Amino acid sequence: MPIEATAETDRTAGITPVAPWRVKSLTVLPGHRLAVTFQDGTQGIADLSSVLTAPECGIFSALKNTALFAQARLELGVVTWPNGADLDPAWMYDELTKFKTWSVPI
């Protein structure tokens, strides 16, 4: 079952990021993918499955663990994980506005 995080469940409750490239909602999908919606309504799928085959990917190595990957959450419009990994929302926005599905290079 997909896991969803929205601004209402964001750990930074009471603060609403308004930049168009900030993530408004997040759903964890099977296969190490994330469905995201940005503040301006732009939507897309970020495919992080490359982390599974990357020999060394720094802090993202821990995300090979499906249970940890599923703990993705939003903090001030940024996708983060409990181990400190995060994704630059401006970079995600740029890539997803071009392609709608983006395979994250590791």
PDB file of N, CA and C in Angstrom:
ATOM      1  N   MET A   1       0.840  -1.175   0.000  1.00  0.00           N
ATOM      2  CA  MET A   1       0.000   0.000   0.000  1.00  0.00           C
ATOM      3  C   MET A   1       0.885   1.239   0.000  1.00  0.00           C
ATOM      4  N   PRO A   2       0.638   2.213  -0.882  1.00  0.00           N
ATOM      5  CA  PRO A   2       1.427   3.427  -0.902  1.00  0.00           C
ATOM      6  C   PRO A   2       1.280   4.204   0.401  1.00  0.00           C
ATOM      7  N   ILE A   3       2.331   4.889   0.755  1.00  0.00           N
ATOM      8  CA  ILE A   3       2.329   5.737   1.940  1.00  0.00           C
ATOM      9  C   ILE A   3       2.282   7.175   1.452  1.00  0.00           C
ATOM     10  N   GLU A   4       1.466   7.998   2.076  1.00  0.00           N
ATOM     11  CA  GLU A   4       1.310   9.369   1.616  1.00  0.00           C
ATOM     12  C   GLU A   4       1.624  10.349   2.736  1.00  0.00           C
ATOM     13  N   ALA A   5       2.345  11.399   2.391  1.00  0.00           N
ATOM     14  CA  ALA A   5       2.620  12.487   3.331  1.00  0.00           C
ATOM     15  C   ALA A   5       2.157  13.776   2.679  1.00  0.00           C
ATOM     16  N   THR A   6       1.505  14.613   3.422  1.00  0.00           N
ATOM     17  CA  THR A   6       1.050  15.891   2.893  1.00  0.00           C
ATOM     18  C   THR A   6       1.459  16.993   3.848  1.00  0.00           C
ATOM     19  N   ALA A   7       1.215  18.229   3.463  1.00  0.00           N
ATOM     20  CA  ALA A   7       1.578  19.359   4.310  1.00  0.00           C
ATOM     21  C   ALA A   7       0.932  19.245   5.683  1.00  0.00           C
ATOM     22  N   GLU A   8      -0.261  18.673   5.762  1.00  0.00           N
ATOM     23  CA  GLU A   8      -0.937  18.543   7.045  1.00  0.00           C
ATOM     24  C   GLU A   8      -0.202  17.578   7.981  1.00  0.00           C
ATOM     25  N   THR A   9       0.532  16.599   7.423  1.00  0.00           N
ATOM     26  CA  THR A   9       1.258  15.660   8.259  1.00  0.00           C
ATOM     27  C   THR A   9       2.752  15.959   8.274  1.00  0.00           C
ATOM     28  N   ASP A  10       3.137  17.039   7.638  1.00  0.00           N
ATOM     29  CA  ASP A  10       4.528  17.474   7.604  1.00  0.00           C
ATOM     30  C   ASP A  10       4.994  17.739   9.031  1.00  0.00           C
ATOM     31  N   ARG A  11       6.208  17.303   9.372  1.00  0.00           N
ATOM     32  CA  ARG A  11       6.723  17.494  10.719  1.00  0.00           C
ATOM     33  C   ARG A  11       6.896  18.965  11.061  1.00  0.00           C
ATOM     34  N   THR A  12       6.881  19.819  10.088  1.00  0.00           N
ATOM     35  CA  THR A  12       7.029  21.248  10.328  1.00  0.00           C
ATOM     36  C   THR A  12       5.663  21.917  10.258  1.00  0.00           C
ATOM     37  N   ALA A  13       4.696  21.333  10.935  1.00  0.00           N
ATOM     38  CA  ALA A  13       3.327  21.834  10.915  1.00  0.00           C
ATOM     39  C   ALA A  13       3.300  23.307  11.284  1.00  0.00           C
ATOM     40  N   GLY A  14       2.424  24.037  10.628  1.00  0.00           N
ATOM     41  CA  GLY A  14       2.290  25.467  10.880  1.00  0.00           C
ATOM     42  C   GLY A  14       3.107  26.306   9.922  1.00  0.00           C
ATOM     43  N   ILE A  15       4.033  25.685   9.190  1.00  0.00           N
ATOM     44  CA  ILE A  15       4.836  26.396   8.207  1.00  0.00           C
ATOM     45  C   ILE A  15       4.470  25.828   6.848  1.00  0.00           C
ATOM     46  N   THR A  16       4.036  26.689   5.949  1.00  0.00           N
ATOM     47  CA  THR A  16       3.654  26.236   4.622  1.00  0.00           C
ATOM     48  C   THR A  16       4.615  26.814   3.588  1.00  0.00           C
ATOM     49  N   PRO A  17       5.468  25.976   2.985  1.00  0.00           N
ATOM     50  CA  PRO A  17       6.363  26.464   1.948  1.00  0.00           C
ATOM     51  C   PRO A  17       5.555  26.853   0.709  1.00  0.00           C
ATOM     52  N   VAL A  18       5.859  28.008   0.112  1.00  0.00           N
ATOM     53  CA  VAL A  18       5.055  28.473  -1.009  1.00  0.00           C
ATOM     54  C   VAL A  18       5.799  28.515  -2.339  1.00  0.00           C
ATOM     55  N   ALA A  19       7.100  28.310  -2.363  1.00  0.00           N
ATOM     56  CA  ALA A  19       7.823  28.298  -3.631  1.00  0.00           C
ATOM     57  C   ALA A  19       7.215  27.223  -4.524  1.00  0.00           C
ATOM     58  N   PRO A  20       7.043  27.494  -5.822  1.00  0.00           N
ATOM     59  CA  PRO A  20       6.380  26.532  -6.702  1.00  0.00           C
ATOM     60  C   PRO A  20       7.095  25.188  -6.768  1.00  0.00           C
ATOM     61  N   TRP A  21       8.392  25.140  -6.508  1.00  0.00           N
ATOM     62  CA  TRP A  21       9.158  23.905  -6.604  1.00  0.00           C
ATOM     63  C   TRP A  21       9.218  23.132  -5.279  1.00  0.00           C
ATOM     64  N   ARG A  22       8.539  23.606  -4.253  1.00  0.00           N
ATOM     65  CA  ARG A  22       8.468  22.851  -3.003  1.00  0.00           C
ATOM     66  C   ARG A  22       7.426  21.741  -3.160  1.00  0.00           C
ATOM     67  N   VAL A  23       7.695  20.592  -2.561  1.00  0.00           N
ATOM     68  CA  VAL A  23       6.790  19.447  -2.661  1.00  0.00           C
ATOM     69  C   VAL A  23       5.625  19.643  -1.699  1.00  0.00           C
ATOM     70  N   LYS A  24       4.420  19.502  -2.235  1.00  0.00           N
ATOM     71  CA  LYS A  24       3.192  19.660  -1.451  1.00  0.00           C
ATOM     72  C   LYS A  24       2.685  18.316  -0.937  1.00  0.00           C
ATOM     73  N   SER A  25       2.803  17.278  -1.760  1.00  0.00           N
ATOM     74  CA  SER A  25       2.363  15.951  -1.327  1.00  0.00           C
ATOM     75  C   SER A  25       3.282  14.894  -1.909  1.00  0.00           C
ATOM     76  N   LEU A  26       3.315  13.779  -1.212  1.00  0.00           N
ATOM     77  CA  LEU A  26       4.251  12.708  -1.519  1.00  0.00           C
ATOM     78  C   LEU A  26       3.567  11.375  -1.286  1.00  0.00           C
ATOM     79  N   THR A  27       3.750  10.456  -2.227  1.00  0.00           N
ATOM     80  CA  THR A  27       3.272   9.091  -2.059  1.00  0.00           C
ATOM     81  C   THR A  27       4.420   8.161  -2.399  1.00  0.00           C
ATOM     82  N   VAL A  28       4.735   7.256  -1.487  1.00  0.00           N
ATOM     83  CA  VAL A  28       5.762   6.248  -1.736  1.00  0.00           C
ATOM     84  C   VAL A  28       5.118   5.123  -2.535  1.00  0.00           C
ATOM     85  N   LEU A  29       5.714   4.805  -3.677  1.00  0.00           N
ATOM     86  CA  LEU A  29       5.206   3.759  -4.565  1.00  0.00           C
ATOM     87  C   LEU A  29       6.132   2.549  -4.530  1.00  0.00           C
ATOM     88  N   PRO A  30       5.641   1.392  -4.954  1.00  0.00           N
ATOM     89  CA  PRO A  30       6.517   0.215  -5.046  1.00  0.00           C
ATOM     90  C   PRO A  30       7.663   0.476  -6.022  1.00  0.00           C
ATOM     91  N   GLY A  31       8.744  -0.275  -5.847  1.00  0.00           N
ATOM     92  CA  GLY A  31       9.866  -0.173  -6.778  1.00  0.00           C
ATOM     93  C   GLY A  31      10.755   1.025  -6.529  1.00  0.00           C
ATOM     94  N   HIS A  32      10.804   1.518  -5.300  1.00  0.00           N
ATOM     95  CA  HIS A  32      11.631   2.674  -4.952  1.00  0.00           C
ATOM     96  C   HIS A  32      11.300   3.895  -5.813  1.00  0.00           C
ATOM     97  N   ARG A  33      10.009   4.176  -5.912  1.00  0.00           N
ATOM     98  CA  ARG A  33       9.549   5.344  -6.657  1.00  0.00           C
ATOM     99  C   ARG A  33       8.740   6.246  -5.737  1.00  0.00           C
ATOM    100  N   LEU A  34       8.705   7.523  -6.078  1.00  0.00           N
ATOM    101  CA  LEU A  34       7.941   8.513  -5.320  1.00  0.00           C
ATOM    102  C   LEU A  34       7.043   9.283  -6.271  1.00  0.00           C
ATOM    103  N   ALA A  35       5.776   9.388  -5.945  1.00  0.00           N
ATOM    104  CA  ALA A  35       4.867  10.269  -6.684  1.00  0.00           C
ATOM    105  C   ALA A  35       4.827  11.576  -5.906  1.00  0.00           C
ATOM    106  N   VAL A  36       5.132  12.669  -6.585  1.00  0.00           N
ATOM    107  CA  VAL A  36       5.173  13.964  -5.909  1.00  0.00           C
ATOM    108  C   VAL A  36       4.291  14.977  -6.626  1.00  0.00           C
ATOM    109  N   THR A  37       3.741  15.887  -5.846  1.00  0.00           N
ATOM    110  CA  THR A  37       3.005  17.035  -6.367  1.00  0.00           C
ATOM    111  C   THR A  37       3.634  18.267  -5.741  1.00  0.00           C
ATOM    112  N   PHE A  38       3.935  19.241  -6.587  1.00  0.00           N
ATOM    113  CA  PHE A  38       4.569  20.470  -6.138  1.00  0.00           C
ATOM    114  C   PHE A  38       3.519  21.532  -5.830  1.00  0.00           C
ATOM    115  N   GLN A  39       3.933  22.602  -5.195  1.00  0.00           N
ATOM    116  CA  GLN A  39       3.033  23.678  -4.787  1.00  0.00           C
ATOM    117  C   GLN A  39       2.217  24.229  -5.948  1.00  0.00           C
ATOM    118  N   ASP A  40       2.784  24.278  -7.151  1.00  0.00           N
ATOM    119  CA  ASP A  40       2.056  24.838  -8.298  1.00  0.00           C
ATOM    120  C   ASP A  40       1.202  23.807  -9.029  1.00  0.00           C
ATOM    121  N   GLY A  41       1.123  22.571  -8.485  1.00  0.00           N
ATOM    122  CA  GLY A  41       0.296  21.527  -9.096  1.00  0.00           C
ATOM    123  C   GLY A  41       1.047  20.593 -10.023  1.00  0.00           C
ATOM    124  N   THR A  42       2.293  20.892 -10.354  1.00  0.00           N
ATOM    125  CA  THR A  42       3.100  20.011 -11.188  1.00  0.00           C
ATOM    126  C   THR A  42       3.244  18.673 -10.479  1.00  0.00           C
ATOM    127  N   GLN A  43       3.091  17.578 -11.244  1.00  0.00           N
ATOM    128  CA  GLN A  43       3.172  16.232 -10.679  1.00  0.00           C
ATOM    129  C   GLN A  43       4.154  15.395 -11.467  1.00  0.00           C
ATOM    130  N   GLY A  44       4.673  14.366 -10.822  1.00  0.00           N
ATOM    131  CA  GLY A  44       5.557  13.449 -11.517  1.00  0.00           C
ATOM    132  C   GLY A  44       5.971  12.292 -10.634  1.00  0.00           C
ATOM    133  N   ILE A  45       6.739  11.385 -11.225  1.00  0.00           N
ATOM    134  CA  ILE A  45       7.242  10.206 -10.529  1.00  0.00           C
ATOM    135  C   ILE A  45       8.762  10.264 -10.537  1.00  0.00           C
ATOM    136  N   ALA A  46       9.361  10.229  -9.346  1.00  0.00           N
ATOM    137  CA  ALA A  46      10.818  10.153  -9.216  1.00  0.00           C
ATOM    138  C   ALA A  46      11.174   8.692  -8.955  1.00  0.00           C
ATOM    139  N   ASP A  47      11.940   8.107  -9.861  1.00  0.00           N
ATOM    140  CA  ASP A  47      12.329   6.703  -9.769  1.00  0.00           C
ATOM    141  C   ASP A  47      13.730   6.617  -9.163  1.00  0.00           C
ATOM    142  N   LEU A  48      13.804   6.138  -7.923  1.00  0.00           N
ATOM    143  CA  LEU A  48      15.081   6.011  -7.238  1.00  0.00           C
ATOM    144  C   LEU A  48      15.579   4.574  -7.226  1.00  0.00           C
ATOM    145  N   SER A  49      15.059   3.729  -8.119  1.00  0.00           N
ATOM    146  CA  SER A  49      15.429   2.314  -8.126  1.00  0.00           C
ATOM    147  C   SER A  49      16.908   2.108  -8.440  1.00  0.00           C
ATOM    148  N   SER A  50      17.571   3.100  -9.023  1.00  0.00           N
ATOM    149  CA  SER A  50      18.997   2.956  -9.325  1.00  0.00           C
ATOM    150  C   SER A  50      19.830   2.805  -8.057  1.00  0.00           C
ATOM    151  N   VAL A  51      19.282   3.227  -6.922  1.00  0.00           N
ATOM    152  CA  VAL A  51      19.994   3.069  -5.648  1.00  0.00           C
ATOM    153  C   VAL A  51      20.215   1.586  -5.328  1.00  0.00           C
ATOM    154  N   LEU A  52      19.348   0.710  -5.844  1.00  0.00           N
ATOM    155  CA  LEU A  52      19.441  -0.711  -5.553  1.00  0.00           C
ATOM    156  C   LEU A  52      20.659  -1.374  -6.192  1.00  0.00           C
ATOM    157  N   THR A  53      21.118  -0.844  -7.305  1.00  0.00           N
ATOM    158  CA  THR A  53      22.242  -1.451  -8.019  1.00  0.00           C
ATOM    159  C   THR A  53      23.517  -0.622  -7.954  1.00  0.00           C
ATOM    160  N   ALA A  54      23.455   0.549  -7.374  1.00  0.00           N
ATOM    161  CA  ALA A  54      24.639   1.403  -7.271  1.00  0.00           C
ATOM    162  C   ALA A  54      25.602   0.808  -6.247  1.00  0.00           C
ATOM    163  N   PRO A  55      26.867   0.628  -6.623  1.00  0.00           N
ATOM    164  CA  PRO A  55      27.811   0.040  -5.678  1.00  0.00           C
ATOM    165  C   PRO A  55      28.049   0.937  -4.459  1.00  0.00           C
ATOM    166  N   GLU A  56      28.166   2.206  -4.683  1.00  0.00           N
ATOM    167  CA  GLU A  56      28.352   3.157  -3.587  1.00  0.00           C
ATOM    168  C   GLU A  56      27.541   4.404  -3.904  1.00  0.00           C
ATOM    169  N   CYS A  57      26.627   4.735  -3.016  1.00  0.00           N
ATOM    170  CA  CYS A  57      25.827   5.934  -3.244  1.00  0.00           C
ATOM    171  C   CYS A  57      25.667   6.737  -1.955  1.00  0.00           C
ATOM    172  N   GLY A  58      26.696   6.691  -1.131  1.00  0.00           N
ATOM    173  CA  GLY A  58      26.731   7.516   0.065  1.00  0.00           C
ATOM    174  C   GLY A  58      25.553   7.301   0.989  1.00  0.00           C
ATOM    175  N   ILE A  59      24.983   8.398   1.436  1.00  0.00           N
ATOM    176  CA  ILE A  59      23.881   8.354   2.395  1.00  0.00           C
ATOM    177  C   ILE A  59      22.650   7.647   1.827  1.00  0.00           C
ATOM    178  N   PHE A  60      22.561   7.585   0.491  1.00  0.00           N
ATOM    179  CA  PHE A  60      21.411   6.940  -0.142  1.00  0.00           C
ATOM    180  C   PHE A  60      21.515   5.411  -0.110  1.00  0.00           C
ATOM    181  N   SER A  61      22.674   4.852   0.237  1.00  0.00           N
ATOM    182  CA  SER A  61      22.826   3.388   0.328  1.00  0.00           C
ATOM    183  C   SER A  61      21.818   2.774   1.283  1.00  0.00           C
ATOM    184  N   ALA A  62      21.541   3.462   2.380  1.00  0.00           N
ATOM    185  CA  ALA A  62      20.593   2.935   3.368  1.00  0.00           C
ATOM    186  C   ALA A  62      19.189   2.796   2.789  1.00  0.00           C
ATOM    187  N   LEU A  63      18.892   3.554   1.725  1.00  0.00           N
ATOM    188  CA  LEU A  63      17.553   3.507   1.135  1.00  0.00           C
ATOM    189  C   LEU A  63      17.305   2.236   0.329  1.00  0.00           C
ATOM    190  N   LYS A  64      18.330   1.392   0.198  1.00  0.00           N
ATOM    191  CA  LYS A  64      18.123   0.082  -0.418  1.00  0.00           C
ATOM    192  C   LYS A  64      17.143  -0.722   0.424  1.00  0.00           C
ATOM    193  N   ASN A  65      17.121  -0.447   1.713  1.00  0.00           N
ATOM    194  CA  ASN A  65      16.189  -1.082   2.637  1.00  0.00           C
ATOM    195  C   ASN A  65      14.792  -0.528   2.360  1.00  0.00           C
ATOM    196  N   THR A  66      13.903  -1.377   1.893  1.00  0.00           N
ATOM    197  CA  THR A  66      12.557  -0.954   1.512  1.00  0.00           C
ATOM    198  C   THR A  66      11.800  -0.303   2.664  1.00  0.00           C
ATOM    199  N   ALA A  67      11.988  -0.838   3.867  1.00  0.00           N
ATOM    200  CA  ALA A  67      11.286  -0.273   5.027  1.00  0.00           C
ATOM    201  C   ALA A  67      11.752   1.159   5.302  1.00  0.00           C
ATOM    202  N   LEU A  68      13.048   1.423   5.163  1.00  0.00           N
ATOM    203  CA  LEU A  68      13.553   2.787   5.371  1.00  0.00           C
ATOM    204  C   LEU A  68      13.079   3.698   4.237  1.00  0.00           C
ATOM    205  N   PHE A  69      13.139   3.197   3.003  1.00  0.00           N
ATOM    206  CA  PHE A  69      12.682   4.007   1.870  1.00  0.00           C
ATOM    207  C   PHE A  69      11.230   4.440   2.069  1.00  0.00           C
ATOM    208  N   ALA A  70      10.414   3.528   2.594  1.00  0.00           N
ATOM    209  CA  ALA A  70       8.991   3.806   2.800  1.00  0.00           C
ATOM    210  C   ALA A  70       8.746   4.867   3.870  1.00  0.00           C
ATOM    211  N   GLN A  71       9.772   5.248   4.615  1.00  0.00           N
ATOM    212  CA  GLN A  71       9.636   6.267   5.649  1.00  0.00           C
ATOM    213  C   GLN A  71       9.872   7.676   5.112  1.00  0.00           C
ATOM    214  N   ALA A  72       9.865   7.838   3.793  1.00  0.00           N
ATOM    215  CA  ALA A  72      10.008   9.168   3.200  1.00  0.00           C
ATOM    216  C   ALA A  72       8.929  10.084   3.759  1.00  0.00           C
ATOM    217  N   ARG A  73       9.312  11.322   4.030  1.00  0.00           N
ATOM    218  CA  ARG A  73       8.365  12.302   4.568  1.00  0.00           C
ATOM    219  C   ARG A  73       8.745  13.677   4.052  1.00  0.00           C
ATOM    220  N   LEU A  74       7.871  14.644   4.318  1.00  0.00           N
ATOM    221  CA  LEU A  74       8.127  16.017   3.890  1.00  0.00           C
ATOM    222  C   LEU A  74       8.545  16.873   5.070  1.00  0.00           C
ATOM    223  N   GLU A  75       9.576  17.670   4.848  1.00  0.00           N
ATOM    224  CA  GLU A  75       9.988  18.683   5.813  1.00  0.00           C
ATOM    225  C   GLU A  75      10.215  19.969   5.028  1.00  0.00           C
ATOM    226  N   LEU A  76       9.356  20.951   5.269  1.00  0.00           N
ATOM    227  CA  LEU A  76       9.425  22.238   4.562  1.00  0.00           C
ATOM    228  C   LEU A  76       9.462  22.063   3.046  1.00  0.00           C
ATOM    229  N   GLY A  77       8.678  21.125   2.537  1.00  0.00           N
ATOM    230  CA  GLY A  77       8.580  20.915   1.099  1.00  0.00           C
ATOM    231  C   GLY A  77       9.721  20.135   0.495  1.00  0.00           C
ATOM    232  N   VAL A  78      10.512  19.459   1.333  1.00  0.00           N
ATOM    233  CA  VAL A  78      11.644  18.659   0.875  1.00  0.00           C
ATOM    234  C   VAL A  78      11.391  17.199   1.270  1.00  0.00           C
ATOM    235  N   VAL A  79      11.620  16.273   0.342  1.00  0.00           N
ATOM    236  CA  VAL A  79      11.505  14.850   0.645  1.00  0.00           C
ATOM    237  C   VAL A  79      12.734  14.461   1.467  1.00  0.00           C
ATOM    238  N   THR A  80      12.488  13.892   2.654  1.00  0.00           N
ATOM    239  CA  THR A  80      13.579  13.488   3.543  1.00  0.00           C
ATOM    240  C   THR A  80      13.338  12.081   4.077  1.00  0.00           C
ATOM    241  N   TRP A  81      14.387  11.494   4.622  1.00  0.00           N
ATOM    242  CA  TRP A  81      14.319  10.192   5.278  1.00  0.00           C
ATOM    243  C   TRP A  81      14.949  10.297   6.662  1.00  0.00           C
ATOM    244  N   PRO A  82      14.605   9.379   7.561  1.00  0.00           N
ATOM    245  CA  PRO A  82      15.130   9.429   8.933  1.00  0.00           C
ATOM    246  C   PRO A  82      16.658   9.372   9.032  1.00  0.00           C
ATOM    247  N   ASN A  83      17.346   8.821   8.025  1.00  0.00           N
ATOM    248  CA  ASN A  83      18.810   8.725   8.084  1.00  0.00           C
ATOM    249  C   ASN A  83      19.500  10.019   7.651  1.00  0.00           C
ATOM    250  N   GLY A  84      18.725  11.051   7.298  1.00  0.00           N
ATOM    251  CA  GLY A  84      19.300  12.327   6.895  1.00  0.00           C
ATOM    252  C   GLY A  84      19.359  12.549   5.392  1.00  0.00           C
ATOM    253  N   ALA A  85      19.048  11.540   4.597  1.00  0.00           N
ATOM    254  CA  ALA A  85      19.027  11.702   3.142  1.00  0.00           C
ATOM    255  C   ALA A  85      17.869  12.616   2.757  1.00  0.00           C
ATOM    256  N   ASP A  86      18.066  13.402   1.710  1.00  0.00           N
ATOM    257  CA  ASP A  86      16.982  14.238   1.180  1.00  0.00           C
ATOM    258  C   ASP A  86      17.203  14.473  -0.302  1.00  0.00           C
ATOM    259  N   LEU A  87      16.160  14.935  -0.964  1.00  0.00           N
ATOM    260  CA  LEU A  87      16.228  15.243  -2.391  1.00  0.00           C
ATOM    261  C   LEU A  87      15.991  16.735  -2.590  1.00  0.00           C
ATOM    262  N   ASP A  88      16.813  17.354  -3.392  1.00  0.00           N
ATOM    263  CA  ASP A  88      16.680  18.777  -3.696  1.00  0.00           C
ATOM    264  C   ASP A  88      15.372  18.988  -4.460  1.00  0.00           C
ATOM    265  N   PRO A  89      14.401  19.702  -3.863  1.00  0.00           N
ATOM    266  CA  PRO A  89      13.104  19.845  -4.536  1.00  0.00           C
ATOM    267  C   PRO A  89      13.190  20.670  -5.819  1.00  0.00           C
ATOM    268  N   ALA A  90      14.090  21.629  -5.892  1.00  0.00           N
ATOM    269  CA  ALA A  90      14.225  22.434  -7.118  1.00  0.00           C
ATOM    270  C   ALA A  90      14.734  21.568  -8.266  1.00  0.00           C
ATOM    271  N   TRP A  91      15.662  20.677  -7.979  1.00  0.00           N
ATOM    272  CA  TRP A  91      16.191  19.759  -8.994  1.00  0.00           C
ATOM    273  C   TRP A  91      15.106  18.803  -9.452  1.00  0.00           C
ATOM    274  N   MET A  92      14.360  18.229  -8.492  1.00  0.00           N
ATOM    275  CA  MET A  92      13.255  17.337  -8.840  1.00  0.00           C
ATOM    276  C   MET A  92      12.246  18.066  -9.727  1.00  0.00           C
ATOM    277  N   TYR A  93      11.914  19.286  -9.343  1.00  0.00           N
ATOM    278  CA  TYR A  93      10.930  20.078 -10.085  1.00  0.00           C
ATOM    279  C   TYR A  93      11.391  20.284 -11.532  1.00  0.00           C
ATOM    280  N   ASP A  94      12.654  20.702 -11.700  1.00  0.00           N
ATOM    281  CA  ASP A  94      13.183  20.924 -13.055  1.00  0.00           C
ATOM    282  C   ASP A  94      13.098  19.668 -13.903  1.00  0.00           C
ATOM    283  N   GLU A  95      13.524  18.546 -13.339  1.00  0.00           N
ATOM    284  CA  GLU A  95      13.521  17.289 -14.090  1.00  0.00           C
ATOM    285  C   GLU A  95      12.104  16.797 -14.379  1.00  0.00           C
ATOM    286  N   LEU A  96      11.224  16.897 -13.396  1.00  0.00           N
ATOM    287  CA  LEU A  96       9.865  16.384 -13.575  1.00  0.00           C
ATOM    288  C   LEU A  96       9.012  17.282 -14.465  1.00  0.00           C
ATOM    289  N   THR A  97       9.314  18.572 -14.547  1.00  0.00           N
ATOM    290  CA  THR A  97       8.560  19.417 -15.481  1.00  0.00           C
ATOM    291  C   THR A  97       8.945  19.086 -16.919  1.00  0.00           C
ATOM    292  N   LYS A  98      10.149  18.566 -17.127  1.00  0.00           N
ATOM    293  CA  LYS A  98      10.586  18.175 -18.471  1.00  0.00           C
ATOM    294  C   LYS A  98      10.058  16.801 -18.869  1.00  0.00           C
ATOM    295  N   PHE A  99      10.097  15.839 -17.932  1.00  0.00           N
ATOM    296  CA  PHE A  99       9.886  14.441 -18.296  1.00  0.00           C
ATOM    297  C   PHE A  99       8.699  13.742 -17.635  1.00  0.00           C
ATOM    298  N   LYS A 100       8.159  14.276 -16.550  1.00  0.00           N
ATOM    299  CA  LYS A 100       7.062  13.674 -15.778  1.00  0.00           C
ATOM    300  C   LYS A 100       7.458  12.403 -15.050  1.00  0.00           C
ATOM    301  N   THR A 101       8.389  11.646 -15.597  1.00  0.00           N
ATOM    302  CA  THR A 101       8.989  10.511 -14.901  1.00  0.00           C
ATOM    303  C   THR A 101      10.485  10.716 -14.988  1.00  0.00           C
ATOM    304  N   TRP A 102      11.143  10.613 -13.856  1.00  0.00           N
ATOM    305  CA  TRP A 102      12.557  10.927 -13.802  1.00  0.00           C
ATOM    306  C   TRP A 102      13.286   9.829 -13.072  1.00  0.00           C
ATOM    307  N   SER A 103      14.296   9.230 -13.714  1.00  0.00           N
ATOM    308  CA  SER A 103      15.138   8.237 -13.069  1.00  0.00           C
ATOM    309  C   SER A 103      16.310   8.963 -12.435  1.00  0.00           C
ATOM    310  N   VAL A 104      16.345   8.940 -11.129  1.00  0.00           N
ATOM    311  CA  VAL A 104      17.357   9.678 -10.385  1.00  0.00           C
ATOM    312  C   VAL A 104      18.722   9.017 -10.593  1.00  0.00           C
ATOM    313  N   PRO A 105      19.698   9.768 -11.084  1.00  0.00           N
ATOM    314  CA  PRO A 105      21.030   9.199 -11.269  1.00  0.00           C
ATOM    315  C   PRO A 105      21.742   9.087  -9.928  1.00  0.00           C
ATOM    316  N   ILE A 106      22.347   7.969  -9.679  1.00  0.00           N
ATOM    317  CA  ILE A 106      23.119   7.772  -8.442  1.00  0.00           C
ATOM    318  C   ILE A 106      24.573   7.613  -8.808  1.00  0.00           C
TER     319      ILE A 106
END
